[in-house]
Amino acid sequence: MSALNTQVSGDHYKSLKIQPIEFIHANGIPFAEGSVIKYVTRWRDKGGLADLEKAKHFLELLIELETKARGLAE
């Protein structure tokens, strides 16, 4: 059986036309951006507002890391 057809803990990705991991992998999206996609995709069916907060946190992390990497002042 394909790992894409198996979901551990819930079924919140089963109704989607494409799973977030497939989209993230096919487009070579890095971890932080992929996490945002994952949480925004599932928030209605799994974690509710907590998942939106997680997505927001990953965006904040990404902004902070990119600001430091580019030597920009906050």
PDB file of N, CA and C in Angstrom:
ATOM      1  N   MET A   1       0.840  -1.186   0.000  1.00  0.00           N
ATOM      2  CA  MET A   1       0.000   0.000   0.000  1.00  0.00           C
ATOM      3  C   MET A   1       0.885   1.250   0.000  1.00  0.00           C
ATOM      4  N   SER A   2       0.494   2.249  -0.757  1.00  0.00           N
ATOM      5  CA  SER A   2       1.234   3.499  -0.858  1.00  0.00           C
ATOM      6  C   SER A   2       1.153   4.288   0.450  1.00  0.00           C
ATOM      7  N   ALA A   3       2.260   4.880   0.822  1.00  0.00           N
ATOM      8  CA  ALA A   3       2.273   5.734   2.012  1.00  0.00           C
ATOM      9  C   ALA A   3       1.333   6.925   1.837  1.00  0.00           C
ATOM     10  N   LEU A   4       1.116   7.367   0.597  1.00  0.00           N
ATOM     11  CA  LEU A   4       0.204   8.482   0.348  1.00  0.00           C
ATOM     12  C   LEU A   4      -1.249   8.099   0.579  1.00  0.00           C
ATOM     13  N   ASN A   5      -1.544   6.808   0.584  1.00  0.00           N
ATOM     14  CA  ASN A   5      -2.906   6.339   0.842  1.00  0.00           C
ATOM     15  C   ASN A   5      -3.133   6.009   2.308  1.00  0.00           C
ATOM     16  N   THR A   6      -2.095   6.157   3.116  1.00  0.00           N
ATOM     17  CA  THR A   6      -2.171   5.857   4.543  1.00  0.00           C
ATOM     18  C   THR A   6      -1.995   7.145   5.322  1.00  0.00           C
ATOM     19  N   GLN A   7      -2.868   7.384   6.276  1.00  0.00           N
ATOM     20  CA  GLN A   7      -2.714   8.549   7.138  1.00  0.00           C
ATOM     21  C   GLN A   7      -2.749   8.100   8.581  1.00  0.00           C
ATOM     22  N   VAL A   8      -1.737   8.493   9.314  1.00  0.00           N
ATOM     23  CA  VAL A   8      -1.657   8.182  10.735  1.00  0.00           C
ATOM     24  C   VAL A   8      -2.358   9.301  11.488  1.00  0.00           C
ATOM     25  N   SER A   9      -3.256   8.950  12.372  1.00  0.00           N
ATOM     26  CA  SER A   9      -3.941   9.934  13.217  1.00  0.00           C
ATOM     27  C   SER A   9      -4.876  10.861  12.450  1.00  0.00           C
ATOM     28  N   GLY A  10      -5.995  10.381  12.077  1.00  0.00           N
ATOM     29  CA  GLY A  10      -7.014  11.228  11.479  1.00  0.00           C
ATOM     30  C   GLY A  10      -7.212  11.002   9.994  1.00  0.00           C
ATOM     31  N   ASP A  11      -8.112  11.808   9.427  1.00  0.00           N
ATOM     32  CA  ASP A  11      -8.385  11.697   7.994  1.00  0.00           C
ATOM     33  C   ASP A  11      -8.528  13.077   7.356  1.00  0.00           C
ATOM     34  N   HIS A  12      -7.897  14.083   7.957  1.00  0.00           N
ATOM     35  CA  HIS A  12      -8.053  15.459   7.519  1.00  0.00           C
ATOM     36  C   HIS A  12      -7.456  15.750   6.144  1.00  0.00           C
ATOM     37  N   TYR A  13      -6.634  14.869   5.596  1.00  0.00           N
ATOM     38  CA  TYR A  13      -6.097  15.079   4.249  1.00  0.00           C
ATOM     39  C   TYR A  13      -6.829  14.247   3.199  1.00  0.00           C
ATOM     40  N   LYS A  14      -7.639  13.320   3.625  1.00  0.00           N
ATOM     41  CA  LYS A  14      -8.310  12.386   2.704  1.00  0.00           C
ATOM     42  C   LYS A  14      -9.239  13.083   1.711  1.00  0.00           C
ATOM     43  N   SER A  15      -9.847  14.181   2.078  1.00  0.00           N
ATOM     44  CA  SER A  15     -10.804  14.850   1.196  1.00  0.00           C
ATOM     45  C   SER A  15     -10.136  15.791   0.184  1.00  0.00           C
ATOM     46  N   LEU A  16      -8.843  15.988   0.306  1.00  0.00           N
ATOM     47  CA  LEU A  16      -8.138  16.913  -0.580  1.00  0.00           C
ATOM     48  C   LEU A  16      -7.807  16.250  -1.912  1.00  0.00           C
ATOM     49  N   LYS A  17      -7.798  17.037  -2.977  1.00  0.00           N
ATOM     50  CA  LYS A  17      -7.455  16.519  -4.307  1.00  0.00           C
ATOM     51  C   LYS A  17      -5.986  16.150  -4.387  1.00  0.00           C
ATOM     52  N   ILE A  18      -5.140  16.889  -3.682  1.00  0.00           N
ATOM     53  CA  ILE A  18      -3.714  16.595  -3.598  1.00  0.00           C
ATOM     54  C   ILE A  18      -3.282  16.861  -2.160  1.00  0.00           C
ATOM     55  N   GLN A  19      -2.503  15.957  -1.620  1.00  0.00           N
ATOM     56  CA  GLN A  19      -2.045  16.125  -0.248  1.00  0.00           C
ATOM     57  C   GLN A  19      -0.969  17.208  -0.197  1.00  0.00           C
ATOM     58  N   PRO A  20      -0.904  17.941   0.908  1.00  0.00           N
ATOM     59  CA  PRO A  20       0.115  18.984   1.032  1.00  0.00           C
ATOM     60  C   PRO A  20       1.532  18.458   0.772  1.00  0.00           C
ATOM     61  N   ILE A  21       1.846  17.271   1.253  1.00  0.00           N
ATOM     62  CA  ILE A  21       3.195  16.728   1.060  1.00  0.00           C
ATOM     63  C   ILE A  21       3.515  16.537  -0.414  1.00  0.00           C
ATOM     64  N   GLU A  22       2.521  16.147  -1.219  1.00  0.00           N
ATOM     65  CA  GLU A  22       2.746  15.986  -2.657  1.00  0.00           C
ATOM     66  C   GLU A  22       3.051  17.333  -3.307  1.00  0.00           C
ATOM     67  N   PHE A  23       2.273  18.349  -2.967  1.00  0.00           N
ATOM     68  CA  PHE A  23       2.469  19.685  -3.520  1.00  0.00           C
ATOM     69  C   PHE A  23       3.816  20.259  -3.095  1.00  0.00           C
ATOM     70  N   ILE A  24       4.114  20.136  -1.810  1.00  0.00           N
ATOM     71  CA  ILE A  24       5.360  20.670  -1.249  1.00  0.00           C
ATOM     72  C   ILE A  24       6.563  19.997  -1.915  1.00  0.00           C
ATOM     73  N   HIS A  25       6.521  18.680  -2.010  1.00  0.00           N
ATOM     74  CA  HIS A  25       7.633  17.923  -2.597  1.00  0.00           C
ATOM     75  C   HIS A  25       7.793  18.230  -4.086  1.00  0.00           C
ATOM     76  N   ALA A  26       6.693  18.229  -4.822  1.00  0.00           N
ATOM     77  CA  ALA A  26       6.741  18.451  -6.271  1.00  0.00           C
ATOM     78  C   ALA A  26       7.280  19.833  -6.621  1.00  0.00           C
ATOM     79  N   ASN A  27       7.104  20.780  -5.724  1.00  0.00           N
ATOM     80  CA  ASN A  27       7.539  22.140  -5.988  1.00  0.00           C
ATOM     81  C   ASN A  27       8.828  22.529  -5.265  1.00  0.00           C
ATOM     82  N   GLY A  28       9.437  21.562  -4.572  1.00  0.00           N
ATOM     83  CA  GLY A  28      10.705  21.824  -3.893  1.00  0.00           C
ATOM     84  C   GLY A  28      10.612  22.926  -2.852  1.00  0.00           C
ATOM     85  N   ILE A  29       9.508  22.950  -2.136  1.00  0.00           N
ATOM     86  CA  ILE A  29       9.274  24.006  -1.147  1.00  0.00           C
ATOM     87  C   ILE A  29      10.005  23.661   0.155  1.00  0.00           C
ATOM     88  N   PRO A  30      10.794  24.600   0.700  1.00  0.00           N
ATOM     89  CA  PRO A  30      11.525  24.350   1.945  1.00  0.00           C
ATOM     90  C   PRO A  30      10.603  24.142   3.156  1.00  0.00           C
ATOM     91  N   PHE A  31      11.208  23.721   4.254  1.00  0.00           N
ATOM     92  CA  PHE A  31      10.485  23.295   5.449  1.00  0.00           C
ATOM     93  C   PHE A  31       9.504  24.332   5.994  1.00  0.00           C
ATOM     94  N   ALA A  32       9.982  25.543   6.250  1.00  0.00           N
ATOM     95  CA  ALA A  32       9.111  26.548   6.881  1.00  0.00           C
ATOM     96  C   ALA A  32       7.907  26.867   6.004  1.00  0.00           C
ATOM     97  N   GLU A  33       8.148  27.070   4.716  1.00  0.00           N
ATOM     98  CA  GLU A  33       7.054  27.358   3.798  1.00  0.00           C
ATOM     99  C   GLU A  33       6.104  26.170   3.692  1.00  0.00           C
ATOM    100  N   GLY A  34       6.669  24.968   3.667  1.00  0.00           N
ATOM    101  CA  GLY A  34       5.851  23.757   3.604  1.00  0.00           C
ATOM    102  C   GLY A  34       4.977  23.594   4.833  1.00  0.00           C
ATOM    103  N   SER A  35       5.515  23.977   5.982  1.00  0.00           N
ATOM    104  CA  SER A  35       4.735  23.903   7.217  1.00  0.00           C
ATOM    105  C   SER A  35       3.549  24.853   7.171  1.00  0.00           C
ATOM    106  N   VAL A  36       3.758  26.043   6.626  1.00  0.00           N
ATOM    107  CA  VAL A  36       2.655  26.998   6.479  1.00  0.00           C
ATOM    108  C   VAL A  36       1.567  26.385   5.609  1.00  0.00           C
ATOM    109  N   ILE A  37       1.958  25.810   4.487  1.00  0.00           N
ATOM    110  CA  ILE A  37       0.994  25.177   3.579  1.00  0.00           C
ATOM    111  C   ILE A  37       0.233  24.067   4.299  1.00  0.00           C
ATOM    112  N   LYS A  38       0.951  23.222   5.020  1.00  0.00           N
ATOM    113  CA  LYS A  38       0.329  22.107   5.736  1.00  0.00           C
ATOM    114  C   LYS A  38      -0.725  22.601   6.728  1.00  0.00           C
ATOM    115  N   TYR A  39      -0.357  23.568   7.562  1.00  0.00           N
ATOM    116  CA  TYR A  39      -1.282  24.028   8.597  1.00  0.00           C
ATOM    117  C   TYR A  39      -2.476  24.792   8.023  1.00  0.00           C
ATOM    118  N   VAL A  40      -2.242  25.597   6.992  1.00  0.00           N
ATOM    119  CA  VAL A  40      -3.343  26.347   6.388  1.00  0.00           C
ATOM    120  C   VAL A  40      -4.294  25.397   5.665  1.00  0.00           C
ATOM    121  N   THR A  41      -3.761  24.336   5.099  1.00  0.00           N
ATOM    122  CA  THR A  41      -4.596  23.365   4.390  1.00  0.00           C
ATOM    123  C   THR A  41      -5.519  22.597   5.331  1.00  0.00           C
ATOM    124  N   ARG A  42      -5.050  22.295   6.525  1.00  0.00           N
ATOM    125  CA  ARG A  42      -5.818  21.398   7.399  1.00  0.00           C
ATOM    126  C   ARG A  42      -6.584  22.071   8.526  1.00  0.00           C
ATOM    127  N   TRP A  43      -6.461  23.375   8.698  1.00  0.00           N
ATOM    128  CA  TRP A  43      -6.984  24.003   9.913  1.00  0.00           C
ATOM    129  C   TRP A  43      -8.472  23.786  10.134  1.00  0.00           C
ATOM    130  N   ARG A  44      -9.256  23.753   9.069  1.00  0.00           N
ATOM    131  CA  ARG A  44     -10.717  23.591   9.229  1.00  0.00           C
ATOM    132  C   ARG A  44     -11.096  22.179   9.694  1.00  0.00           C
ATOM    133  N   ASP A  45     -10.300  21.189   9.299  1.00  0.00           N
ATOM    134  CA  ASP A  45     -10.652  19.796   9.580  1.00  0.00           C
ATOM    135  C   ASP A  45      -9.860  19.176  10.719  1.00  0.00           C
ATOM    136  N   LYS A  46      -8.869  19.857  11.244  1.00  0.00           N
ATOM    137  CA  LYS A  46      -8.084  19.250  12.314  1.00  0.00           C
ATOM    138  C   LYS A  46      -7.874  20.184  13.496  1.00  0.00           C
ATOM    139  N   GLY A  47      -6.975  21.142  13.364  1.00  0.00           N
ATOM    140  CA  GLY A  47      -6.549  21.909  14.532  1.00  0.00           C
ATOM    141  C   GLY A  47      -7.245  23.229  14.783  1.00  0.00           C
ATOM    142  N   GLY A  48      -8.142  23.629  13.895  1.00  0.00           N
ATOM    143  CA  GLY A  48      -8.851  24.888  14.094  1.00  0.00           C
ATOM    144  C   GLY A  48      -7.906  26.076  14.152  1.00  0.00           C
ATOM    145  N   LEU A  49      -8.238  27.038  14.977  1.00  0.00           N
ATOM    146  CA  LEU A  49      -7.439  28.255  15.086  1.00  0.00           C
ATOM    147  C   LEU A  49      -6.008  27.982  15.529  1.00  0.00           C
ATOM    148  N   ALA A  50      -5.792  26.905  16.273  1.00  0.00           N
ATOM    149  CA  ALA A  50      -4.427  26.558  16.689  1.00  0.00           C
ATOM    150  C   ALA A  50      -3.545  26.291  15.473  1.00  0.00           C
ATOM    151  N   ASP A  51      -4.093  25.674  14.441  1.00  0.00           N
ATOM    152  CA  ASP A  51      -3.310  25.439  13.227  1.00  0.00           C
ATOM    153  C   ASP A  51      -3.006  26.750  12.512  1.00  0.00           C
ATOM    154  N   LEU A  52      -3.923  27.697  12.539  1.00  0.00           N
ATOM    155  CA  LEU A  52      -3.633  29.005  11.946  1.00  0.00           C
ATOM    156  C   LEU A  52      -2.538  29.724  12.737  1.00  0.00           C
ATOM    157  N   GLU A  53      -2.553  29.567  14.051  1.00  0.00           N
ATOM    158  CA  GLU A  53      -1.492  30.153  14.879  1.00  0.00           C
ATOM    159  C   GLU A  53      -0.147  29.502  14.561  1.00  0.00           C
ATOM    160  N   LYS A  54      -0.156  28.192  14.325  1.00  0.00           N
ATOM    161  CA  LYS A  54       1.084  27.494  13.954  1.00  0.00           C
ATOM    162  C   LYS A  54       1.595  28.006  12.615  1.00  0.00           C
ATOM    163  N   ALA A  55       0.703  28.180  11.651  1.00  0.00           N
ATOM    164  CA  ALA A  55       1.098  28.717  10.339  1.00  0.00           C
ATOM    165  C   ALA A  55       1.690  30.113  10.506  1.00  0.00           C
ATOM    166  N   LYS A  56       1.041  30.930  11.312  1.00  0.00           N
ATOM    167  CA  LYS A  56       1.515  32.294  11.580  1.00  0.00           C
ATOM    168  C   LYS A  56       2.905  32.266  12.220  1.00  0.00           C
ATOM    169  N   HIS A  57       3.098  31.345  13.147  1.00  0.00           N
ATOM    170  CA  HIS A  57       4.393  31.216  13.820  1.00  0.00           C
ATOM    171  C   HIS A  57       5.491  30.861  12.818  1.00  0.00           C
ATOM    172  N   PHE A  58       5.194  29.947  11.902  1.00  0.00           N
ATOM    173  CA  PHE A  58       6.191  29.590  10.890  1.00  0.00           C
ATOM    174  C   PHE A  58       6.485  30.772   9.971  1.00  0.00           C
ATOM    175  N   LEU A  59       5.489  31.581   9.652  1.00  0.00           N
ATOM    176  CA  LEU A  59       5.729  32.790   8.860  1.00  0.00           C
ATOM    177  C   LEU A  59       6.611  33.771   9.629  1.00  0.00           C
ATOM    178  N   GLU A  60       6.345  33.920  10.916  1.00  0.00           N
ATOM    179  CA  GLU A  60       7.159  34.813  11.739  1.00  0.00           C
ATOM    180  C   GLU A  60       8.603  34.315  11.823  1.00  0.00           C
ATOM    181  N   LEU A  61       8.775  32.999  11.974  1.00  0.00           N
ATOM    182  CA  LEU A  61      10.117  32.420  11.985  1.00  0.00           C
ATOM    183  C   LEU A  61      10.831  32.675  10.667  1.00  0.00           C
ATOM    184  N   LEU A  62      10.138  32.462   9.586  1.00  0.00           N
ATOM    185  CA  LEU A  62      10.729  32.653   8.266  1.00  0.00           C
ATOM    186  C   LEU A  62      11.141  34.115   8.057  1.00  0.00           C
ATOM    187  N   ILE A  63      10.284  35.037   8.446  1.00  0.00           N
ATOM    188  CA  ILE A  63      10.612  36.464   8.325  1.00  0.00           C
ATOM    189  C   ILE A  63      11.840  36.801   9.162  1.00  0.00           C
ATOM    190  N   GLU A  64      11.871  36.297  10.390  1.00  0.00           N
ATOM    191  CA  GLU A  64      13.013  36.560  11.272  1.00  0.00           C
ATOM    192  C   GLU A  64      14.304  35.983  10.699  1.00  0.00           C
ATOM    193  N   LEU A  65      14.266  34.740  10.250  1.00  0.00           N
ATOM    194  CA  LEU A  65      15.464  34.101   9.704  1.00  0.00           C
ATOM    195  C   LEU A  65      15.935  34.775   8.420  1.00  0.00           C
ATOM    196  N   GLU A  66      15.006  35.149   7.559  1.00  0.00           N
ATOM    197  CA  GLU A  66      15.368  35.830   6.313  1.00  0.00           C
ATOM    198  C   GLU A  66      15.902  37.233   6.583  1.00  0.00           C
ATOM    199  N   THR A  67      15.347  37.899   7.590  1.00  0.00           N
ATOM    200  CA  THR A  67      15.846  39.224   7.964  1.00  0.00           C
ATOM    201  C   THR A  67      17.292  39.125   8.425  1.00  0.00           C
ATOM    202  N   LYS A  68      17.599  38.139   9.260  1.00  0.00           N
ATOM    203  CA  LYS A  68      18.959  37.933   9.752  1.00  0.00           C
ATOM    204  C   LYS A  68      19.894  37.535   8.612  1.00  0.00           C
ATOM    205  N   ALA A  69      19.443  36.641   7.750  1.00  0.00           N
ATOM    206  CA  ALA A  69      20.266  36.154   6.650  1.00  0.00           C
ATOM    207  C   ALA A  69      20.634  37.267   5.678  1.00  0.00           C
ATOM    208  N   ARG A  70      19.755  38.218   5.533  1.00  0.00           N
ATOM    209  CA  ARG A  70      19.984  39.327   4.586  1.00  0.00           C
ATOM    210  C   ARG A  70      20.650  40.517   5.263  1.00  0.00           C
ATOM    211  N   GLY A  71      20.911  40.380   6.587  1.00  0.00           N
ATOM    212  CA  GLY A  71      21.574  41.452   7.314  1.00  0.00           C
ATOM    213  C   GLY A  71      20.730  42.705   7.454  1.00  0.00           C
ATOM    214  N   LEU A  72      19.428  42.523   7.484  1.00  0.00           N
ATOM    215  CA  LEU A  72      18.524  43.660   7.605  1.00  0.00           C
ATOM    216  C   LEU A  72      18.176  43.912   9.060  1.00  0.00           C
ATOM    217  N   ALA A  73      18.039  45.149   9.426  1.00  0.00           N
ATOM    218  CA  ALA A  73      17.623  45.498  10.793  1.00  0.00           C
ATOM    219  C   ALA A  73      16.112  45.314  10.901  1.00  0.00           C
ATOM    220  N   GLU A  74      15.672  44.924  12.077  1.00  0.00           N
ATOM    221  CA  GLU A  74      14.220  44.758  12.290  1.00  0.00           C
ATOM    222  C   GLU A  74      13.590  46.050  12.696  1.00  0.00           C
TER     223      GLU A  74
END
